[in-house]
Amino acid sequence: MSERAAPFYCPYCGDEDLRPGEQGHGAWECAACNRAFQLKFLGLLARGLQPDTSGGDGI
């Protein structure tokens, strides 16, 4: 990935006035509720890689 993903809204108050935080990569600050939070990608879930066993044709 060439660009980092940005959140669309604050997870605490739901406002959209977010700015990158000074704490480093993944840190964001909400101007509405004055909270700072950090986003972190943990990885892919194994269940997302299981084949379709429903017997359907996928349509």
PDB file of N, CA and C in Angstrom:
ATOM      1  N   MET A   1       0.836  -1.180   0.000  1.00  0.00           N
ATOM      2  CA  MET A   1       0.000   0.000   0.000  1.00  0.00           C
ATOM      3  C   MET A   1       0.875   1.236   0.000  1.00  0.00           C
ATOM      4  N   SER A   2       0.497   2.188  -0.795  1.00  0.00           N
ATOM      5  CA  SER A   2       1.297   3.392  -0.877  1.00  0.00           C
ATOM      6  C   SER A   2       0.806   4.474   0.082  1.00  0.00           C
ATOM      7  N   GLU A   3      -0.479   4.456   0.425  1.00  0.00           N
ATOM      8  CA  GLU A   3      -1.028   5.454   1.333  1.00  0.00           C
ATOM      9  C   GLU A   3      -1.624   4.770   2.547  1.00  0.00           C
ATOM     10  N   ARG A   4      -1.604   5.454   3.676  1.00  0.00           N
ATOM     11  CA  ARG A   4      -2.224   4.887   4.857  1.00  0.00           C
ATOM     12  C   ARG A   4      -3.725   5.136   4.817  1.00  0.00           C
ATOM     13  N   ALA A   5      -4.472   4.231   5.392  1.00  0.00           N
ATOM     14  CA  ALA A   5      -5.921   4.367   5.437  1.00  0.00           C
ATOM     15  C   ALA A   5      -6.299   5.372   6.515  1.00  0.00           C
ATOM     16  N   ALA A   6      -7.289   6.172   6.228  1.00  0.00           N
ATOM     17  CA  ALA A   6      -7.745   7.186   7.170  1.00  0.00           C
ATOM     18  C   ALA A   6      -9.142   6.836   7.666  1.00  0.00           C
ATOM     19  N   PRO A   7      -9.402   7.021   8.957  1.00  0.00           N
ATOM     20  CA  PRO A   7     -10.750   6.773   9.465  1.00  0.00           C
ATOM     21  C   PRO A   7     -11.702   7.859   8.956  1.00  0.00           C
ATOM     22  N   PHE A   8     -12.968   7.519   8.781  1.00  0.00           N
ATOM     23  CA  PHE A   8     -13.961   8.474   8.301  1.00  0.00           C
ATOM     24  C   PHE A   8     -14.628   9.235   9.434  1.00  0.00           C
ATOM     25  N   TYR A   9     -14.613   8.649  10.651  1.00  0.00           N
ATOM     26  CA  TYR A   9     -15.256   9.300  11.797  1.00  0.00           C
ATOM     27  C   TYR A   9     -14.597   8.841  13.088  1.00  0.00           C
ATOM     28  N   CYS A  10     -14.799   9.620  14.139  1.00  0.00           N
ATOM     29  CA  CYS A  10     -14.242   9.310  15.460  1.00  0.00           C
ATOM     30  C   CYS A  10     -14.990   8.119  16.063  1.00  0.00           C
ATOM     31  N   PRO A  11     -14.289   7.120  16.576  1.00  0.00           N
ATOM     32  CA  PRO A  11     -14.971   5.969  17.175  1.00  0.00           C
ATOM     33  C   PRO A  11     -15.656   6.299  18.507  1.00  0.00           C
ATOM     34  N   TYR A  12     -15.387   7.464  19.069  1.00  0.00           N
ATOM     35  CA  TYR A  12     -15.975   7.837  20.355  1.00  0.00           C
ATOM     36  C   TYR A  12     -17.214   8.715  20.198  1.00  0.00           C
ATOM     37  N   CYS A  13     -17.131   9.749  19.347  1.00  0.00           N
ATOM     38  CA  CYS A  13     -18.256  10.679  19.231  1.00  0.00           C
ATOM     39  C   CYS A  13     -18.919  10.662  17.858  1.00  0.00           C
ATOM     40  N   GLY A  14     -18.281  10.063  16.867  1.00  0.00           N
ATOM     41  CA  GLY A  14     -18.847   9.971  15.532  1.00  0.00           C
ATOM     42  C   GLY A  14     -18.600  11.181  14.647  1.00  0.00           C
ATOM     43  N   ASP A  15     -17.906  12.184  15.147  1.00  0.00           N
ATOM     44  CA  ASP A  15     -17.643  13.384  14.354  1.00  0.00           C
ATOM     45  C   ASP A  15     -16.594  13.090  13.276  1.00  0.00           C
ATOM     46  N   GLU A  16     -16.592  13.902  12.228  1.00  0.00           N
ATOM     47  CA  GLU A  16     -15.686  13.685  11.103  1.00  0.00           C
ATOM     48  C   GLU A  16     -14.509  14.646  11.071  1.00  0.00           C
ATOM     49  N   ASP A  17     -14.336  15.468  12.094  1.00  0.00           N
ATOM     50  CA  ASP A  17     -13.240  16.448  12.135  1.00  0.00           C
ATOM     51  C   ASP A  17     -11.995  15.804  12.740  1.00  0.00           C
ATOM     52  N   LEU A  18     -11.308  14.981  11.940  1.00  0.00           N
ATOM     53  CA  LEU A  18     -10.135  14.235  12.409  1.00  0.00           C
ATOM     54  C   LEU A  18      -8.877  14.768  11.750  1.00  0.00           C
ATOM     55  N   ARG A  19      -7.784  14.703  12.509  1.00  0.00           N
ATOM     56  CA  ARG A  19      -6.469  15.114  12.005  1.00  0.00           C
ATOM     57  C   ARG A  19      -5.437  14.078  12.446  1.00  0.00           C
ATOM     58  N   PRO A  20      -4.398  13.867  11.622  1.00  0.00           N
ATOM     59  CA  PRO A  20      -3.339  12.934  12.042  1.00  0.00           C
ATOM     60  C   PRO A  20      -2.713  13.401  13.354  1.00  0.00           C
ATOM     61  N   GLY A  21      -2.454  12.453  14.247  1.00  0.00           N
ATOM     62  CA  GLY A  21      -1.867  12.778  15.543  1.00  0.00           C
ATOM     63  C   GLY A  21      -0.365  12.889  15.498  1.00  0.00           C
ATOM     64  N   GLU A  22       0.192  13.481  16.527  1.00  0.00           N
ATOM     65  CA  GLU A  22       1.634  13.668  16.615  1.00  0.00           C
ATOM     66  C   GLU A  22       2.359  12.428  17.147  1.00  0.00           C
ATOM     67  N   GLN A  23       1.634  11.452  17.654  1.00  0.00           N
ATOM     68  CA  GLN A  23       2.255  10.272  18.275  1.00  0.00           C
ATOM     69  C   GLN A  23       2.856   9.313  17.265  1.00  0.00           C
ATOM     70  N   GLY A  24       2.588   9.499  15.995  1.00  0.00           N
ATOM     71  CA  GLY A  24       3.188   8.629  14.990  1.00  0.00           C
ATOM     72  C   GLY A  24       2.152   7.972  14.105  1.00  0.00           C
ATOM     73  N   HIS A  25       2.591   6.963  13.381  1.00  0.00           N
ATOM     74  CA  HIS A  25       1.760   6.275  12.397  1.00  0.00           C
ATOM     75  C   HIS A  25       0.511   5.670  13.028  1.00  0.00           C
ATOM     76  N   GLY A  26      -0.631   5.952  12.464  1.00  0.00           N
ATOM     77  CA  GLY A  26      -1.887   5.385  12.942  1.00  0.00           C
ATOM     78  C   GLY A  26      -2.567   6.181  14.031  1.00  0.00           C
ATOM     79  N   ALA A  27      -1.976   7.273  14.481  1.00  0.00           N
ATOM     80  CA  ALA A  27      -2.558   8.091  15.543  1.00  0.00           C
ATOM     81  C   ALA A  27      -3.418   9.193  14.926  1.00  0.00           C
ATOM     82  N   TRP A  28      -4.587   9.424  15.530  1.00  0.00           N
ATOM     83  CA  TRP A  28      -5.527  10.428  15.043  1.00  0.00           C
ATOM     84  C   TRP A  28      -6.068  11.221  16.218  1.00  0.00           C
ATOM     85  N   GLU A  29      -6.428  12.475  15.945  1.00  0.00           N
ATOM     86  CA  GLU A  29      -6.992  13.355  16.968  1.00  0.00           C
ATOM     87  C   GLU A  29      -8.343  13.861  16.493  1.00  0.00           C
ATOM     88  N   CYS A  30      -9.333  13.860  17.390  1.00  0.00           N
ATOM     89  CA  CYS A  30     -10.666  14.361  17.080  1.00  0.00           C
ATOM     90  C   CYS A  30     -10.809  15.755  17.687  1.00  0.00           C
ATOM     91  N   ALA A  31     -11.104  16.736  16.848  1.00  0.00           N
ATOM     92  CA  ALA A  31     -11.262  18.112  17.326  1.00  0.00           C
ATOM     93  C   ALA A  31     -12.590  18.302  18.056  1.00  0.00           C
ATOM     94  N   ALA A  32     -13.575  17.466  17.780  1.00  0.00           N
ATOM     95  CA  ALA A  32     -14.897  17.620  18.389  1.00  0.00           C
ATOM     96  C   ALA A  32     -14.913  17.187  19.856  1.00  0.00           C
ATOM     97  N   CYS A  33     -14.362  16.014  20.152  1.00  0.00           N
ATOM     98  CA  CYS A  33     -14.403  15.511  21.535  1.00  0.00           C
ATOM     99  C   CYS A  33     -13.046  15.582  22.230  1.00  0.00           C
ATOM    100  N   ASN A  34     -12.020  16.093  21.520  1.00  0.00           N
ATOM    101  CA  ASN A  34     -10.681  16.291  22.086  1.00  0.00           C
ATOM    102  C   ASN A  34     -10.047  14.980  22.558  1.00  0.00           C
ATOM    103  N   ARG A  35     -10.302  13.901  21.806  1.00  0.00           N
ATOM    104  CA  ARG A  35      -9.708  12.599  22.127  1.00  0.00           C
ATOM    105  C   ARG A  35      -8.678  12.231  21.069  1.00  0.00           C
ATOM    106  N   ALA A  36      -7.705  11.454  21.483  1.00  0.00           N
ATOM    107  CA  ALA A  36      -6.713  10.908  20.566  1.00  0.00           C
ATOM    108  C   ALA A  36      -6.864   9.396  20.579  1.00  0.00           C
ATOM    109  N   PHE A  37      -6.714   8.787  19.418  1.00  0.00           N
ATOM    110  CA  PHE A  37      -6.816   7.328  19.328  1.00  0.00           C
ATOM    111  C   PHE A  37      -5.854   6.836  18.267  1.00  0.00           C
ATOM    112  N   GLN A  38      -5.624   5.531  18.264  1.00  0.00           N
ATOM    113  CA  GLN A  38      -4.679   4.952  17.322  1.00  0.00           C
ATOM    114  C   GLN A  38      -5.327   3.758  16.634  1.00  0.00           C
ATOM    115  N   LEU A  39      -5.113   3.646  15.336  1.00  0.00           N
ATOM    116  CA  LEU A  39      -5.601   2.528  14.551  1.00  0.00           C
ATOM    117  C   LEU A  39      -4.435   1.602  14.236  1.00  0.00           C
ATOM    118  N   LYS A  40      -4.716   0.313  14.272  1.00  0.00           N
ATOM    119  CA  LYS A  40      -3.661  -0.665  14.014  1.00  0.00           C
ATOM    120  C   LYS A  40      -4.246  -1.854  13.274  1.00  0.00           C
ATOM    121  N   PHE A  41      -3.659  -2.217  12.157  1.00  0.00           N
ATOM    122  CA  PHE A  41      -4.064  -3.391  11.401  1.00  0.00           C
ATOM    123  C   PHE A  41      -3.431  -4.618  12.046  1.00  0.00           C
ATOM    124  N   LEU A  42      -4.246  -5.582  12.441  1.00  0.00           N
ATOM    125  CA  LEU A  42      -3.734  -6.763  13.120  1.00  0.00           C
ATOM    126  C   LEU A  42      -3.435  -7.920  12.179  1.00  0.00           C
ATOM    127  N   GLY A  43      -4.136  -8.017  11.075  1.00  0.00           N
ATOM    128  CA  GLY A  43      -3.897  -9.094  10.126  1.00  0.00           C
ATOM    129  C   GLY A  43      -5.195  -9.620   9.560  1.00  0.00           C
ATOM    130  N   LEU A  44      -5.098 -10.642   8.718  1.00  0.00           N
ATOM    131  CA  LEU A  44      -6.270 -11.256   8.109  1.00  0.00           C
ATOM    132  C   LEU A  44      -6.749 -12.425   8.958  1.00  0.00           C
ATOM    133  N   LEU A  45      -8.055 -12.608   9.003  1.00  0.00           N
ATOM    134  CA  LEU A  45      -8.625 -13.723   9.736  1.00  0.00           C
ATOM    135  C   LEU A  45      -8.578 -14.983   8.884  1.00  0.00           C
ATOM    136  N   ALA A  46      -8.291 -16.110   9.495  1.00  0.00           N
ATOM    137  CA  ALA A  46      -8.194 -17.365   8.767  1.00  0.00           C
ATOM    138  C   ALA A  46      -9.535 -17.765   8.168  1.00  0.00           C
ATOM    139  N   ARG A  47     -10.638 -17.428   8.819  1.00  0.00           N
ATOM    140  CA  ARG A  47     -11.944 -17.841   8.299  1.00  0.00           C
ATOM    141  C   ARG A  47     -12.274 -17.165   6.978  1.00  0.00           C
ATOM    142  N   GLY A  48     -11.626 -16.064   6.661  1.00  0.00           N
ATOM    143  CA  GLY A  48     -11.854 -15.399   5.391  1.00  0.00           C
ATOM    144  C   GLY A  48     -11.264 -16.153   4.211  1.00  0.00           C
ATOM    145  N   LEU A  49     -10.434 -17.150   4.476  1.00  0.00           N
ATOM    146  CA  LEU A  49      -9.775 -17.906   3.420  1.00  0.00           C
ATOM    147  C   LEU A  49     -10.401 -19.268   3.179  1.00  0.00           C
ATOM    148  N   GLN A  50     -11.470 -19.626   3.897  1.00  0.00           N
ATOM    149  CA  GLN A  50     -12.093 -20.928   3.746  1.00  0.00           C
ATOM    150  C   GLN A  50     -12.921 -20.980   2.471  1.00  0.00           C
ATOM    151  N   PRO A  51     -12.939 -22.125   1.801  1.00  0.00           N
ATOM    152  CA  PRO A  51     -13.731 -22.259   0.578  1.00  0.00           C
ATOM    153  C   PRO A  51     -15.222 -22.290   0.895  1.00  0.00           C
ATOM    154  N   ASP A  52     -16.044 -21.942  -0.095  1.00  0.00           N
ATOM    155  CA  ASP A  52     -17.490 -21.962   0.040  1.00  0.00           C
ATOM    156  C   ASP A  52     -17.965 -23.426   0.072  1.00  0.00           C
ATOM    157  N   THR A  53     -18.596 -23.821   1.175  1.00  0.00           N
ATOM    158  CA  THR A  53     -19.069 -25.196   1.328  1.00  0.00           C
ATOM    159  C   THR A  53     -20.591 -25.282   1.284  1.00  0.00           C
ATOM    160  N   SER A  54     -21.253 -24.239   0.795  1.00  0.00           N
ATOM    161  CA  SER A  54     -22.719 -24.216   0.784  1.00  0.00           C
ATOM    162  C   SER A  54     -23.290 -25.051  -0.352  1.00  0.00           C
ATOM    163  N   GLY A  55     -22.476 -25.417  -1.322  1.00  0.00           N
ATOM    164  CA  GLY A  55     -22.954 -26.224  -2.434  1.00  0.00           C
ATOM    165  C   GLY A  55     -23.540 -25.389  -3.553  1.00  0.00           C
ATOM    166  N   GLY A  56     -23.613 -24.081  -3.365  1.00  0.00           N
ATOM    167  CA  GLY A  56     -24.146 -23.205  -4.398  1.00  0.00           C
ATOM    168  C   GLY A  56     -23.103 -22.888  -5.449  1.00  0.00           C
ATOM    169  N   ASP A  57     -23.525 -22.188  -6.474  1.00  0.00           N
ATOM    170  CA  ASP A  57     -22.598 -21.842  -7.536  1.00  0.00           C
ATOM    171  C   ASP A  57     -21.999 -20.459  -7.351  1.00  0.00           C
ATOM    172  N   GLY A  58     -22.251 -19.813  -6.193  1.00  0.00           N
ATOM    173  CA  GLY A  58     -21.640 -18.541  -5.885  1.00  0.00           C
ATOM    174  C   GLY A  58     -22.361 -17.342  -6.461  1.00  0.00           C
ATOM    175  N   ILE A  59     -23.529 -17.554  -7.011  1.00  0.00           N
ATOM    176  CA  ILE A  59     -24.275 -16.431  -7.596  1.00  0.00           C
ATOM    177  C   ILE A  59     -25.291 -15.922  -6.582  1.00  0.00           C
TER     178      ILE A  59
END
